[in-house]
Amino acid sequence: MAGSNSAAAKKKIAQKKALAKKLAAKKKADAQKKALAKKKLEAQKKLAAKKKADAQKLAAKKKLEAQKKLAAKKKADAQKAEAKKRALAKKAAEAARRQAQREREAEQRRKAQERKREMAAKAKAKLIEAKEKAKERARIAAERAAAKAAKEAERIAAREAKERARLEAIAAKEAAREAEMRARRKPEPPPKPPIVMGEKIDGIQTTSKFDFDFLRGQRELLQEMRAQLTTQANRLEDEANALIEDVEMGDVQFDEEGGEGDTMVVERERDLVLSAQARHEVEEIDAALERIKSGEYGYSIHSGLPIPRERLKAIPWTQESVQERVGGLARR
């Protein structure tokens, strides 16, 4: 029984201690809340004081700006009034100046009209005199131009006659050479053997002796050479025409003292000959391209036999072998 009372007493003591701790903790928490509330209140007071100070500063600033604007407006109004006053004075002075100017201009116009009448009379007399002189100069210039044109026509006619004679001589020489070549040719060869055709691919007719790869390479080579020769022929013809234009413009002297005319004629003749050769080779290339399409490419036009590939690669448009060429059967 005594032990039970002792335990109850201890429990009560423990409960009192716990309650005391709770009360102490609650007091401490209340003290912290009060301190925090105090700090918050002080912060609110400081913020309110700052807002009030800022509002006072802003009001003072606005008041100062309003005073400045008022002062500036008064100053601007005064300046406008002064400017208006000066403008009125300037306008009056300008009106007086314009009136004086109009009077001076009227006097100047009167004098100018008098001078104009005098100058018109003098100019009329000079014009009549100038017309007479111009008529005389025109008559002399027409006579000189007619004489010069006649002399130029004679020179051109002589040059054209010389050119015609030269071309006729070249044609006669070429005809004689062709006749000589025909006379040297051998009798007609025996009948040509038939060409064995193969498959036609991409516009190329293959044969038993010439396959597609070889013929395609030859076609590309011929097309490349054709483009080069065409460009060369056009350039040479342009150079020859430019020489003719120089002659027609009178930039070249054809008299006995100057040799430039003869040099120009020689250069033009050379350009025309080279251009004609290039055009002829282009025609032979076109014929070779057609033979590639028809299956006749690479076969001699005389014997019908295949031409060696080495010769075809060296001269892609040839139509005869080396032996036939040397034997004079035909020209390349």
C-alpha atoms as a PDB file:
ATOM      1  CA  MET A   1       0.000   0.000   0.000  1.00  0.00           C
ATOM      2  CA  ALA A   2       2.864   2.270   0.848  1.00  0.00           C
ATOM      3  CA  GLY A   3       4.522   1.418  -2.521  1.00  0.00           C
ATOM      4  CA  SER A   4       1.368   2.280  -4.406  1.00  0.00           C
ATOM      5  CA  ASN A   5       1.195   5.730  -2.785  1.00  0.00           C
ATOM      6  CA  SER A   6       4.823   6.369  -3.589  1.00  0.00           C
ATOM      7  CA  ALA A   7       4.274   5.553  -7.301  1.00  0.00           C
ATOM      8  CA  ALA A   8       1.239   7.848  -7.464  1.00  0.00           C
ATOM      9  CA  ALA A   9       3.262  10.618  -5.874  1.00  0.00           C
ATOM     10  CA  LYS A  10       6.019  10.187  -8.418  1.00  0.00           C
ATOM     11  CA  LYS A  11       3.483  10.248 -11.266  1.00  0.00           C
ATOM     12  CA  LYS A  12       1.995  13.470  -9.977  1.00  0.00           C
ATOM     13  CA  ILE A  13       5.439  15.010  -9.672  1.00  0.00           C
ATOM     14  CA  ALA A  14       6.190  13.951 -13.271  1.00  0.00           C
ATOM     15  CA  GLN A  15       2.889  15.399 -14.484  1.00  0.00           C
ATOM     16  CA  LYS A  16       3.646  18.670 -12.681  1.00  0.00           C
ATOM     17  CA  LYS A  17       7.081  18.826 -14.319  1.00  0.00           C
ATOM     18  CA  ALA A  18       5.600  18.111 -17.755  1.00  0.00           C
ATOM     19  CA  LEU A  19       2.959  20.758 -17.211  1.00  0.00           C
ATOM     20  CA  ALA A  20       5.613  23.196 -16.077  1.00  0.00           C
ATOM     21  CA  LYS A  21       7.619  22.469 -19.256  1.00  0.00           C
ATOM     22  CA  LYS A  22       4.530  23.022 -21.400  1.00  0.00           C
ATOM     23  CA  LEU A  23       3.818  26.296 -19.648  1.00  0.00           C
ATOM     24  CA  ALA A  24       7.415  27.396 -20.100  1.00  0.00           C
ATOM     25  CA  ALA A  25       7.348  26.400 -23.800  1.00  0.00           C
ATOM     26  CA  LYS A  26       4.043  28.213 -24.284  1.00  0.00           C
ATOM     27  CA  LYS A  27       5.442  31.345 -22.612  1.00  0.00           C
ATOM     28  CA  LYS A  28       8.512  31.166 -24.820  1.00  0.00           C
ATOM     29  CA  ALA A  29       6.364  30.741 -27.977  1.00  0.00           C
ATOM     30  CA  ASP A  30       4.150  33.652 -26.904  1.00  0.00           C
ATOM     31  CA  ALA A  31       7.234  35.770 -26.298  1.00  0.00           C
ATOM     32  CA  GLN A  32       8.551  34.894 -29.780  1.00  0.00           C
ATOM     33  CA  LYS A  33       5.176  35.700 -31.360  1.00  0.00           C
ATOM     34  CA  LYS A  34       5.109  39.044 -29.548  1.00  0.00           C
ATOM     35  CA  ALA A  35       8.691  39.805 -30.706  1.00  0.00           C
ATOM     36  CA  LEU A  36       7.814  38.815 -34.292  1.00  0.00           C
ATOM     37  CA  ALA A  37       4.634  40.911 -34.214  1.00  0.00           C
ATOM     38  CA  LYS A  38       6.649  43.811 -32.858  1.00  0.00           C
ATOM     39  CA  LYS A  39       9.210  43.476 -35.642  1.00  0.00           C
ATOM     40  CA  LYS A  40       6.442  43.235 -38.259  1.00  0.00           C
ATOM     41  CA  LEU A  41       4.793  46.342 -36.830  1.00  0.00           C
ATOM     42  CA  GLU A  42       8.056  48.226 -36.895  1.00  0.00           C
ATOM     43  CA  ALA A  43       8.658  47.127 -40.518  1.00  0.00           C
ATOM     44  CA  GLN A  44       5.172  48.309 -41.485  1.00  0.00           C
ATOM     45  CA  LYS A  45       5.834  51.650 -39.785  1.00  0.00           C
ATOM     46  CA  LYS A  46       9.149  52.027 -41.654  1.00  0.00           C
ATOM     47  CA  LEU A  47       7.462  51.123 -44.973  1.00  0.00           C
ATOM     48  CA  ALA A  48       4.659  53.596 -44.324  1.00  0.00           C
ATOM     49  CA  ALA A  49       7.224  56.261 -43.412  1.00  0.00           C
ATOM     50  CA  LYS A  50       9.175  55.516 -46.591  1.00  0.00           C
ATOM     51  CA  LYS A  51       6.027  55.679 -48.739  1.00  0.00           C
ATOM     52  CA  LYS A  52       5.120  58.975 -47.139  1.00  0.00           C
ATOM     53  CA  ALA A  53       8.612  60.365 -47.773  1.00  0.00           C
ATOM     54  CA  ASP A  54       8.509  59.163 -51.383  1.00  0.00           C
ATOM     55  CA  ALA A  55       5.095  60.745 -51.875  1.00  0.00           C
ATOM     56  CA  GLN A  56       6.380  64.019 -50.462  1.00  0.00           C
ATOM     57  CA  LYS A  57       9.412  63.895 -52.746  1.00  0.00           C
ATOM     58  CA  LEU A  58       7.217  63.134 -55.763  1.00  0.00           C
ATOM     59  CA  ALA A  59       4.857  65.963 -54.910  1.00  0.00           C
ATOM     60  CA  ALA A  60       7.796  68.342 -54.512  1.00  0.00           C
ATOM     61  CA  LYS A  61       9.229  67.157 -57.826  1.00  0.00           C
ATOM     62  CA  LYS A  62       5.900  67.611 -59.635  1.00  0.00           C
ATOM     63  CA  LYS A  63       5.503  71.057 -58.110  1.00  0.00           C
ATOM     64  CA  LEU A  64       8.995  72.030 -59.271  1.00  0.00           C
ATOM     65  CA  GLU A  65       8.326  70.689 -62.775  1.00  0.00           C
ATOM     66  CA  ALA A  66       5.031  72.600 -62.931  1.00  0.00           C
ATOM     67  CA  GLN A  67       6.838  75.793 -61.916  1.00  0.00           C
ATOM     68  CA  LYS A  68       9.489  75.184 -64.582  1.00  0.00           C
ATOM     69  CA  LYS A  69       6.831  74.531 -67.244  1.00  0.00           C
ATOM     70  CA  LEU A  70       5.014  77.703 -66.275  1.00  0.00           C
ATOM     71  CA  ALA A  71       8.228  79.704 -66.450  1.00  0.00           C
ATOM     72  CA  ALA A  72       9.110  78.107 -69.819  1.00  0.00           C
ATOM     73  CA  LYS A  73       5.614  78.874 -71.163  1.00  0.00           C
ATOM     74  CA  LYS A  74       5.883  82.489 -70.075  1.00  0.00           C
ATOM     75  CA  LYS A  75       9.288  82.715 -71.722  1.00  0.00           C
ATOM     76  CA  ALA A  76       8.007  81.059 -74.921  1.00  0.00           C
ATOM     77  CA  ASP A  77       5.002  83.403 -75.035  1.00  0.00           C
ATOM     78  CA  ALA A  78       7.329  86.370 -74.666  1.00  0.00           C
ATOM     79  CA  GLN A  79       9.560  85.039 -77.421  1.00  0.00           C
ATOM     80  CA  LYS A  80       6.547  84.471 -79.689  1.00  0.00           C
ATOM     81  CA  ALA A  81       5.336  88.005 -79.111  1.00  0.00           C
ATOM     82  CA  GLU A  82       8.804  89.364 -79.866  1.00  0.00           C
ATOM     83  CA  ALA A  83       9.079  87.162 -82.957  1.00  0.00           C
ATOM     84  CA  LYS A  84       5.659  88.312 -84.172  1.00  0.00           C
ATOM     85  CA  LYS A  85       6.710  91.903 -83.685  1.00  0.00           C
ATOM     86  CA  ARG A  86       9.921  91.333 -85.626  1.00  0.00           C
ATOM     87  CA  ALA A  87       8.000  89.456 -88.348  1.00  0.00           C
ATOM     88  CA  LEU A  88       5.613  92.374 -88.811  1.00  0.00           C
ATOM     89  CA  ALA A  89       8.524  94.767 -89.062  1.00  0.00           C
ATOM     90  CA  LYS A  90      10.292  92.454 -91.503  1.00  0.00           C
ATOM     91  CA  LYS A  91       7.129  92.081 -93.566  1.00  0.00           C
ATOM     92  CA  ALA A  92       6.762  95.837 -93.853  1.00  0.00           C
ATOM     93  CA  ALA A  93      10.424  96.176 -94.840  1.00  0.00           C
ATOM     94  CA  GLU A  94      10.043  93.338 -97.365  1.00  0.00           C
ATOM     95  CA  ALA A  95       6.985  95.008 -98.913  1.00  0.00           C
ATOM     96  CA  ALA A  96       8.914  98.241 -99.310  1.00  0.00           C
ATOM     97  CA  ARG A  97      11.864  96.349-100.808  1.00  0.00           C
ATOM     98  CA  ARG A  98       9.623  94.484-103.294  1.00  0.00           C
ATOM     99  CA  GLN A  99       8.024  97.747-104.385  1.00  0.00           C
ATOM    100  CA  ALA A 100      11.438  99.253-105.020  1.00  0.00           C
ATOM    101  CA  GLN A 101      12.495  96.068-106.796  1.00  0.00           C
ATOM    102  CA  ARG A 102       9.420  96.165-109.066  1.00  0.00           C
ATOM    103  CA  GLU A 103      10.201  99.736-109.995  1.00  0.00           C
ATOM    104  CA  ARG A 104      13.817  98.855-110.825  1.00  0.00           C
ATOM    105  CA  GLU A 105      12.730  95.793-112.833  1.00  0.00           C
ATOM    106  CA  ALA A 106      10.254  97.874-114.826  1.00  0.00           C
ATOM    107  CA  GLU A 107      13.049 100.299-115.695  1.00  0.00           C
ATOM    108  CA  GLN A 108      15.360  97.419-116.614  1.00  0.00           C
ATOM    109  CA  ARG A 109      12.668  95.847-118.848  1.00  0.00           C
ATOM    110  CA  ARG A 110      12.207  99.100-120.666  1.00  0.00           C
ATOM    111  CA  LYS A 111      15.934  99.389-121.292  1.00  0.00           C
ATOM    112  CA  ALA A 112      16.167  95.699-122.207  1.00  0.00           C
ATOM    113  CA  GLN A 113      13.415  96.071-124.805  1.00  0.00           C
ATOM    114  CA  GLU A 114      15.270  98.951-126.364  1.00  0.00           C
ATOM    115  CA  ARG A 115      18.502  96.906-126.483  1.00  0.00           C
ATOM    116  CA  LYS A 116      16.569  93.915-127.843  1.00  0.00           C
ATOM    117  CA  ARG A 117      15.180  95.950-130.724  1.00  0.00           C
ATOM    118  CA  GLU A 118      18.649  97.207-131.537  1.00  0.00           C
ATOM    119  CA  MET A 119      20.170  93.709-131.334  1.00  0.00           C
ATOM    120  CA  ALA A 120      17.358  92.246-133.469  1.00  0.00           C
ATOM    121  CA  ALA A 121      18.121  94.702-136.211  1.00  0.00           C
ATOM    122  CA  LYS A 122      21.850  93.866-136.064  1.00  0.00           C
ATOM    123  CA  ALA A 123      21.134  90.118-135.907  1.00  0.00           C
ATOM    124  CA  LYS A 124      18.890  90.298-138.949  1.00  0.00           C
ATOM    125  CA  ALA A 125      21.626  91.956-140.932  1.00  0.00           C
ATOM    126  CA  LYS A 126      24.180  89.364-139.747  1.00  0.00           C
ATOM    127  CA  LEU A 127      21.779  86.511-140.535  1.00  0.00           C
ATOM    128  CA  ILE A 128      21.363  87.656-144.096  1.00  0.00           C
ATOM    129  CA  GLU A 129      25.124  87.877-144.442  1.00  0.00           C
ATOM    130  CA  ALA A 130      25.623  84.435-142.799  1.00  0.00           C
ATOM    131  CA  LYS A 131      23.071  82.805-145.115  1.00  0.00           C
ATOM    132  CA  GLU A 132      24.927  84.053-148.127  1.00  0.00           C
ATOM    133  CA  LYS A 133      28.223  82.731-146.767  1.00  0.00           C
ATOM    134  CA  ALA A 134      26.627  79.374-145.839  1.00  0.00           C
ATOM    135  CA  LYS A 135      25.269  78.953-149.363  1.00  0.00           C
ATOM    136  CA  GLU A 136      28.734  79.520-150.753  1.00  0.00           C
ATOM    137  CA  ARG A 137      30.332  77.070-148.296  1.00  0.00           C
ATOM    138  CA  ALA A 138      27.660  74.454-149.042  1.00  0.00           C
ATOM    139  CA  ARG A 139      28.300  74.776-152.771  1.00  0.00           C
ATOM    140  CA  ILE A 140      32.050  74.315-152.291  1.00  0.00           C
ATOM    141  CA  ALA A 141      31.524  71.350-149.886  1.00  0.00           C
ATOM    142  CA  ALA A 142      29.137  69.664-152.324  1.00  0.00           C
ATOM    143  CA  GLU A 143      31.660  69.967-155.131  1.00  0.00           C
ATOM    144  CA  ARG A 144      34.416  68.512-152.932  1.00  0.00           C
ATOM    145  CA  ALA A 145      32.178  65.672-151.691  1.00  0.00           C
ATOM    146  CA  ALA A 146      31.183  64.756-155.240  1.00  0.00           C
ATOM    147  CA  ALA A 147      34.823  64.655-156.304  1.00  0.00           C
ATOM    148  CA  LYS A 148      35.782  62.566-153.277  1.00  0.00           C
ATOM    149  CA  ALA A 149      32.874  60.139-153.825  1.00  0.00           C
ATOM    150  CA  ALA A 150      33.820  59.671-157.452  1.00  0.00           C
ATOM    151  CA  LYS A 151      37.426  58.979-156.520  1.00  0.00           C
ATOM    152  CA  GLU A 152      36.353  56.533-153.765  1.00  0.00           C
ATOM    153  CA  ALA A 153      33.999  54.740-156.163  1.00  0.00           C
ATOM    154  CA  GLU A 154      36.827  54.302-158.648  1.00  0.00           C
ATOM    155  CA  ARG A 155      39.103  52.937-155.914  1.00  0.00           C
ATOM    156  CA  ILE A 156      36.441  50.490-154.687  1.00  0.00           C
ATOM    157  CA  ALA A 157      35.675  49.326-158.214  1.00  0.00           C
ATOM    158  CA  ALA A 158      39.363  48.678-158.852  1.00  0.00           C
ATOM    159  CA  ARG A 159      39.681  46.781-155.567  1.00  0.00           C
ATOM    160  CA  GLU A 160      36.603  44.663-156.320  1.00  0.00           C
ATOM    161  CA  ALA A 161      37.886  43.884-159.806  1.00  0.00           C
ATOM    162  CA  LYS A 162      41.192  42.804-158.331  1.00  0.00           C
ATOM    163  CA  GLU A 163      39.405  40.606-155.780  1.00  0.00           C
ATOM    164  CA  ARG A 164      37.218  39.002-158.480  1.00  0.00           C
ATOM    165  CA  ALA A 165      40.279  38.254-160.586  1.00  0.00           C
ATOM    166  CA  ARG A 166      42.019  36.692-157.581  1.00  0.00           C
ATOM    167  CA  LEU A 167      39.008  34.510-156.734  1.00  0.00           C
ATOM    168  CA  GLU A 168      38.652  33.432-160.363  1.00  0.00           C
ATOM    169  CA  ALA A 169      42.325  32.477-160.413  1.00  0.00           C
ATOM    170  CA  ILE A 170      41.894  30.446-157.206  1.00  0.00           C
ATOM    171  CA  ALA A 171      38.808  28.723-158.654  1.00  0.00           C
ATOM    172  CA  ALA A 172      40.637  27.907-161.892  1.00  0.00           C
ATOM    173  CA  LYS A 173      43.600  26.562-159.936  1.00  0.00           C
ATOM    174  CA  GLU A 174      41.320  24.410-157.775  1.00  0.00           C
ATOM    175  CA  ALA A 175      39.462  23.096-160.834  1.00  0.00           C
ATOM    176  CA  ALA A 176      42.760  22.172-162.486  1.00  0.00           C
ATOM    177  CA  ARG A 177      43.913  20.385-159.341  1.00  0.00           C
ATOM    178  CA  GLU A 178      40.633  18.463-159.102  1.00  0.00           C
ATOM    179  CA  ALA A 179      40.938  17.465-162.755  1.00  0.00           C
ATOM    180  CA  GLU A 180      44.501  16.283-162.146  1.00  0.00           C
ATOM    181  CA  MET A 181      43.413  14.276-159.108  1.00  0.00           C
ATOM    182  CA  ARG A 182      40.604  12.650-161.084  1.00  0.00           C
ATOM    183  CA  ALA A 183      43.053  11.774-163.842  1.00  0.00           C
ATOM    184  CA  ARG A 184      45.377  10.044-161.343  1.00  0.00           C
ATOM    185  CA  ARG A 185      42.679   7.893-159.795  1.00  0.00           C
ATOM    186  CA  LYS A 186      42.776   4.180-160.378  1.00  0.00           C
ATOM    187  CA  PRO A 187      39.971   2.294-162.145  1.00  0.00           C
ATOM    188  CA  GLU A 188      36.832   1.443-160.233  1.00  0.00           C
ATOM    189  CA  PRO A 189      37.449  -1.196-157.507  1.00  0.00           C
ATOM    190  CA  PRO A 190      35.570  -4.501-157.434  1.00  0.00           C
ATOM    191  CA  PRO A 191      32.106  -4.697-155.812  1.00  0.00           C
ATOM    192  CA  LYS A 192      32.080  -3.986-152.088  1.00  0.00           C
ATOM    193  CA  PRO A 193      31.389  -6.824-149.661  1.00  0.00           C
ATOM    194  CA  PRO A 194      28.119  -6.488-147.701  1.00  0.00           C
ATOM    195  CA  ILE A 195      28.196  -4.946-144.213  1.00  0.00           C
ATOM    196  CA  VAL A 196      26.869  -7.266-141.509  1.00  0.00           C
ATOM    197  CA  MET A 197      24.653  -5.137-139.307  1.00  0.00           C
ATOM    198  CA  GLY A 198      24.254  -5.668-135.573  1.00  0.00           C
ATOM    199  CA  GLU A 199      21.998  -4.141-132.917  1.00  0.00           C
ATOM    200  CA  LYS A 200      21.078  -0.441-133.063  1.00  0.00           C
ATOM    201  CA  ILE A 201      21.617   1.238-129.674  1.00  0.00           C
ATOM    202  CA  ASP A 202      21.144   4.913-128.775  1.00  0.00           C
ATOM    203  CA  GLY A 203      21.102   5.967-132.438  1.00  0.00           C
ATOM    204  CA  ILE A 204      24.286   3.959-133.212  1.00  0.00           C
ATOM    205  CA  GLN A 205      24.131   1.106-135.752  1.00  0.00           C
ATOM    206  CA  THR A 206      26.649  -1.532-134.703  1.00  0.00           C
ATOM    207  CA  THR A 207      28.260  -3.919-137.206  1.00  0.00           C
ATOM    208  CA  SER A 208      30.237  -7.122-137.048  1.00  0.00           C
ATOM    209  CA  LYS A 209      33.549  -5.198-137.147  1.00  0.00           C
ATOM    210  CA  PHE A 210      32.716  -2.212-134.930  1.00  0.00           C
ATOM    211  CA  ASP A 211      31.000  -2.629-131.556  1.00  0.00           C
ATOM    212  CA  PHE A 212      28.882  -0.104-129.639  1.00  0.00           C
ATOM    213  CA  ASP A 213      31.619   1.081-127.229  1.00  0.00           C
ATOM    214  CA  PHE A 214      34.023   1.916-130.071  1.00  0.00           C
ATOM    215  CA  LEU A 215      31.367   3.695-132.136  1.00  0.00           C
ATOM    216  CA  ARG A 216      30.128   5.676-129.102  1.00  0.00           C
ATOM    217  CA  GLY A 217      33.691   6.847-128.374  1.00  0.00           C
ATOM    218  CA  GLN A 218      34.118   7.884-132.018  1.00  0.00           C
ATOM    219  CA  ARG A 219      30.828   9.793-131.947  1.00  0.00           C
ATOM    220  CA  GLU A 220      31.876  11.736-128.839  1.00  0.00           C
ATOM    221  CA  LEU A 221      35.251  12.522-130.430  1.00  0.00           C
ATOM    222  CA  LEU A 222      33.587  13.738-133.638  1.00  0.00           C
ATOM    223  CA  GLN A 223      31.127  15.942-131.713  1.00  0.00           C
ATOM    224  CA  GLU A 224      33.951  17.528-129.702  1.00  0.00           C
ATOM    225  CA  MET A 225      36.027  18.208-132.842  1.00  0.00           C
ATOM    226  CA  ARG A 226      32.962  19.644-134.597  1.00  0.00           C
ATOM    227  CA  ALA A 227      32.390  22.186-131.794  1.00  0.00           C
ATOM    228  CA  GLN A 228      36.060  23.261-131.891  1.00  0.00           C
ATOM    229  CA  LEU A 229      36.133  23.643-135.682  1.00  0.00           C
ATOM    230  CA  THR A 230      32.859  25.587-135.742  1.00  0.00           C
ATOM    231  CA  THR A 231      34.180  28.017-133.134  1.00  0.00           C
ATOM    232  CA  GLN A 232      37.419  28.405-135.116  1.00  0.00           C
ATOM    233  CA  ALA A 233      35.556  29.057-138.400  1.00  0.00           C
ATOM    234  CA  ASN A 234      33.303  31.678-136.784  1.00  0.00           C
ATOM    235  CA  ARG A 235      36.273  33.460-135.207  1.00  0.00           C
ATOM    236  CA  LEU A 236      38.206  33.571-138.502  1.00  0.00           C
ATOM    237  CA  GLU A 237      35.182  34.902-140.391  1.00  0.00           C
ATOM    238  CA  ASP A 238      34.647  37.589-137.739  1.00  0.00           C
ATOM    239  CA  GLU A 239      38.299  38.651-138.047  1.00  0.00           C
ATOM    240  CA  ALA A 240      37.992  38.815-141.868  1.00  0.00           C
ATOM    241  CA  ASN A 241      34.805  40.900-141.589  1.00  0.00           C
ATOM    242  CA  ALA A 242      36.503  43.206-139.086  1.00  0.00           C
ATOM    243  CA  LEU A 243      39.290  43.811-141.611  1.00  0.00           C
ATOM    244  CA  ILE A 244      36.681  44.720-144.246  1.00  0.00           C
ATOM    245  CA  GLU A 245      35.021  47.162-141.822  1.00  0.00           C
ATOM    246  CA  ASP A 246      38.379  48.821-141.160  1.00  0.00           C
ATOM    247  CA  VAL A 247      38.867  49.261-144.896  1.00  0.00           C
ATOM    248  CA  GLU A 248      35.363  50.681-145.402  1.00  0.00           C
ATOM    249  CA  MET A 249      35.861  53.156-142.528  1.00  0.00           C
ATOM    250  CA  GLY A 250      38.988  54.499-144.242  1.00  0.00           C
ATOM    251  CA  ASP A 251      41.398  53.406-141.515  1.00  0.00           C
ATOM    252  CA  VAL A 252      43.680  51.667-144.056  1.00  0.00           C
ATOM    253  CA  GLN A 253      45.740  53.355-146.757  1.00  0.00           C
ATOM    254  CA  PHE A 254      45.761  51.689-150.183  1.00  0.00           C
ATOM    255  CA  ASP A 255      47.934  54.155-152.116  1.00  0.00           C
ATOM    256  CA  GLU A 256      51.450  53.563-153.406  1.00  0.00           C
ATOM    257  CA  GLU A 257      53.111  55.080-150.330  1.00  0.00           C
ATOM    258  CA  GLY A 258      51.400  52.812-147.745  1.00  0.00           C
ATOM    259  CA  GLY A 259      51.767  49.010-147.621  1.00  0.00           C
ATOM    260  CA  GLU A 260      49.201  48.482-144.881  1.00  0.00           C
ATOM    261  CA  GLY A 261      46.412  47.793-147.379  1.00  0.00           C
ATOM    262  CA  ASP A 262      48.283  44.891-148.992  1.00  0.00           C
ATOM    263  CA  THR A 263      48.979  43.350-145.560  1.00  0.00           C
ATOM    264  CA  MET A 264      45.301  43.589-144.622  1.00  0.00           C
ATOM    265  CA  VAL A 265      44.282  41.887-147.872  1.00  0.00           C
ATOM    266  CA  VAL A 266      46.747  39.030-147.253  1.00  0.00           C
ATOM    267  CA  GLU A 267      45.525  38.567-143.671  1.00  0.00           C
ATOM    268  CA  ARG A 268      41.884  38.579-144.772  1.00  0.00           C
ATOM    269  CA  GLU A 269      42.594  36.021-147.525  1.00  0.00           C
ATOM    270  CA  ARG A 270      44.383  33.777-145.047  1.00  0.00           C
ATOM    271  CA  ASP A 271      41.493  33.982-142.545  1.00  0.00           C
ATOM    272  CA  LEU A 272      38.949  33.143-145.241  1.00  0.00           C
ATOM    273  CA  VAL A 273      40.980  30.147-146.493  1.00  0.00           C
ATOM    274  CA  LEU A 274      41.410  28.760-142.963  1.00  0.00           C
ATOM    275  CA  SER A 275      37.717  29.324-142.211  1.00  0.00           C
ATOM    276  CA  ALA A 276      36.711  27.491-145.398  1.00  0.00           C
ATOM    277  CA  GLN A 277      38.967  24.571-144.466  1.00  0.00           C
ATOM    278  CA  ALA A 278      37.356  24.373-141.014  1.00  0.00           C
ATOM    279  CA  ARG A 279      33.853  24.476-142.541  1.00  0.00           C
ATOM    280  CA  HIS A 280      34.823  21.675-144.962  1.00  0.00           C
ATOM    281  CA  GLU A 281      36.034  19.503-142.093  1.00  0.00           C
ATOM    282  CA  VAL A 282      32.774  20.195-140.208  1.00  0.00           C
ATOM    283  CA  GLU A 283      30.852  18.916-143.251  1.00  0.00           C
ATOM    284  CA  GLU A 284      32.995  15.752-143.300  1.00  0.00           C
ATOM    285  CA  ILE A 285      32.351  15.272-139.550  1.00  0.00           C
ATOM    286  CA  ASP A 286      28.580  15.625-140.101  1.00  0.00           C
ATOM    287  CA  ALA A 287      28.777  12.979-142.835  1.00  0.00           C
ATOM    288  CA  ALA A 288      30.711  10.658-140.478  1.00  0.00           C
ATOM    289  CA  LEU A 289      28.058  11.112-137.760  1.00  0.00           C
ATOM    290  CA  GLU A 290      25.378  10.132-140.274  1.00  0.00           C
ATOM    291  CA  ARG A 291      27.396   7.016-141.214  1.00  0.00           C
ATOM    292  CA  ILE A 292      27.486   6.031-137.520  1.00  0.00           C
ATOM    293  CA  LYS A 293      23.683   6.160-137.519  1.00  0.00           C
ATOM    294  CA  SER A 294      23.350   4.129-140.756  1.00  0.00           C
ATOM    295  CA  GLY A 295      26.026   1.487-139.994  1.00  0.00           C
ATOM    296  CA  GLU A 296      28.415   2.543-142.796  1.00  0.00           C
ATOM    297  CA  TYR A 297      30.981   4.138-140.479  1.00  0.00           C
ATOM    298  CA  GLY A 298      34.484   2.623-140.560  1.00  0.00           C
ATOM    299  CA  TYR A 299      34.137   1.009-143.994  1.00  0.00           C
ATOM    300  CA  SER A 300      36.027   2.258-147.059  1.00  0.00           C
ATOM    301  CA  ILE A 301      33.921   3.990-149.689  1.00  0.00           C
ATOM    302  CA  HIS A 302      36.164   2.399-152.367  1.00  0.00           C
ATOM    303  CA  SER A 303      36.618  -1.235-151.353  1.00  0.00           C
ATOM    304  CA  GLY A 304      33.969  -1.584-148.625  1.00  0.00           C
ATOM    305  CA  LEU A 305      36.602  -3.133-146.340  1.00  0.00           C
ATOM    306  CA  PRO A 306      36.979  -2.086-142.690  1.00  0.00           C
ATOM    307  CA  ILE A 307      39.396   0.763-142.045  1.00  0.00           C
ATOM    308  CA  PRO A 308      41.899   0.056-139.213  1.00  0.00           C
ATOM    309  CA  ARG A 309      40.775   1.473-135.877  1.00  0.00           C
ATOM    310  CA  GLU A 310      44.094   3.283-135.404  1.00  0.00           C
ATOM    311  CA  ARG A 311      43.433   5.359-138.536  1.00  0.00           C
ATOM    312  CA  LEU A 312      39.836   6.026-137.462  1.00  0.00           C
ATOM    313  CA  LYS A 313      41.036   7.286-134.076  1.00  0.00           C
ATOM    314  CA  ALA A 314      43.637   9.526-135.753  1.00  0.00           C
ATOM    315  CA  ILE A 315      41.251  10.840-138.447  1.00  0.00           C
ATOM    316  CA  PRO A 316      37.701  10.081-137.170  1.00  0.00           C
ATOM    317  CA  TRP A 317      35.938  11.263-140.353  1.00  0.00           C
ATOM    318  CA  THR A 318      38.114   9.379-142.880  1.00  0.00           C
ATOM    319  CA  GLN A 319      36.429   7.152-145.486  1.00  0.00           C
ATOM    320  CA  GLU A 320      39.463   5.300-146.847  1.00  0.00           C
ATOM    321  CA  SER A 321      42.485   3.344-145.660  1.00  0.00           C
ATOM    322  CA  VAL A 322      46.079   4.558-145.828  1.00  0.00           C
ATOM    323  CA  GLN A 323      46.790   2.333-148.832  1.00  0.00           C
ATOM    324  CA  GLU A 324      43.814   3.709-150.735  1.00  0.00           C
ATOM    325  CA  ARG A 325      44.810   7.250-149.815  1.00  0.00           C
ATOM    326  CA  VAL A 326      48.396   6.785-151.021  1.00  0.00           C
ATOM    327  CA  GLY A 327      47.154   5.046-154.142  1.00  0.00           C
ATOM    328  CA  GLY A 328      45.136   8.147-155.063  1.00  0.00           C
ATOM    329  CA  LEU A 329      41.701   6.552-155.079  1.00  0.00           C
ATOM    330  CA  ALA A 330      40.127   9.578-153.417  1.00  0.00           C
ATOM    331  CA  ARG A 331      40.779  12.571-151.167  1.00  0.00           C
ATOM    332  CA  ARG A 332      40.378  12.368-147.414  1.00  0.00           C
END
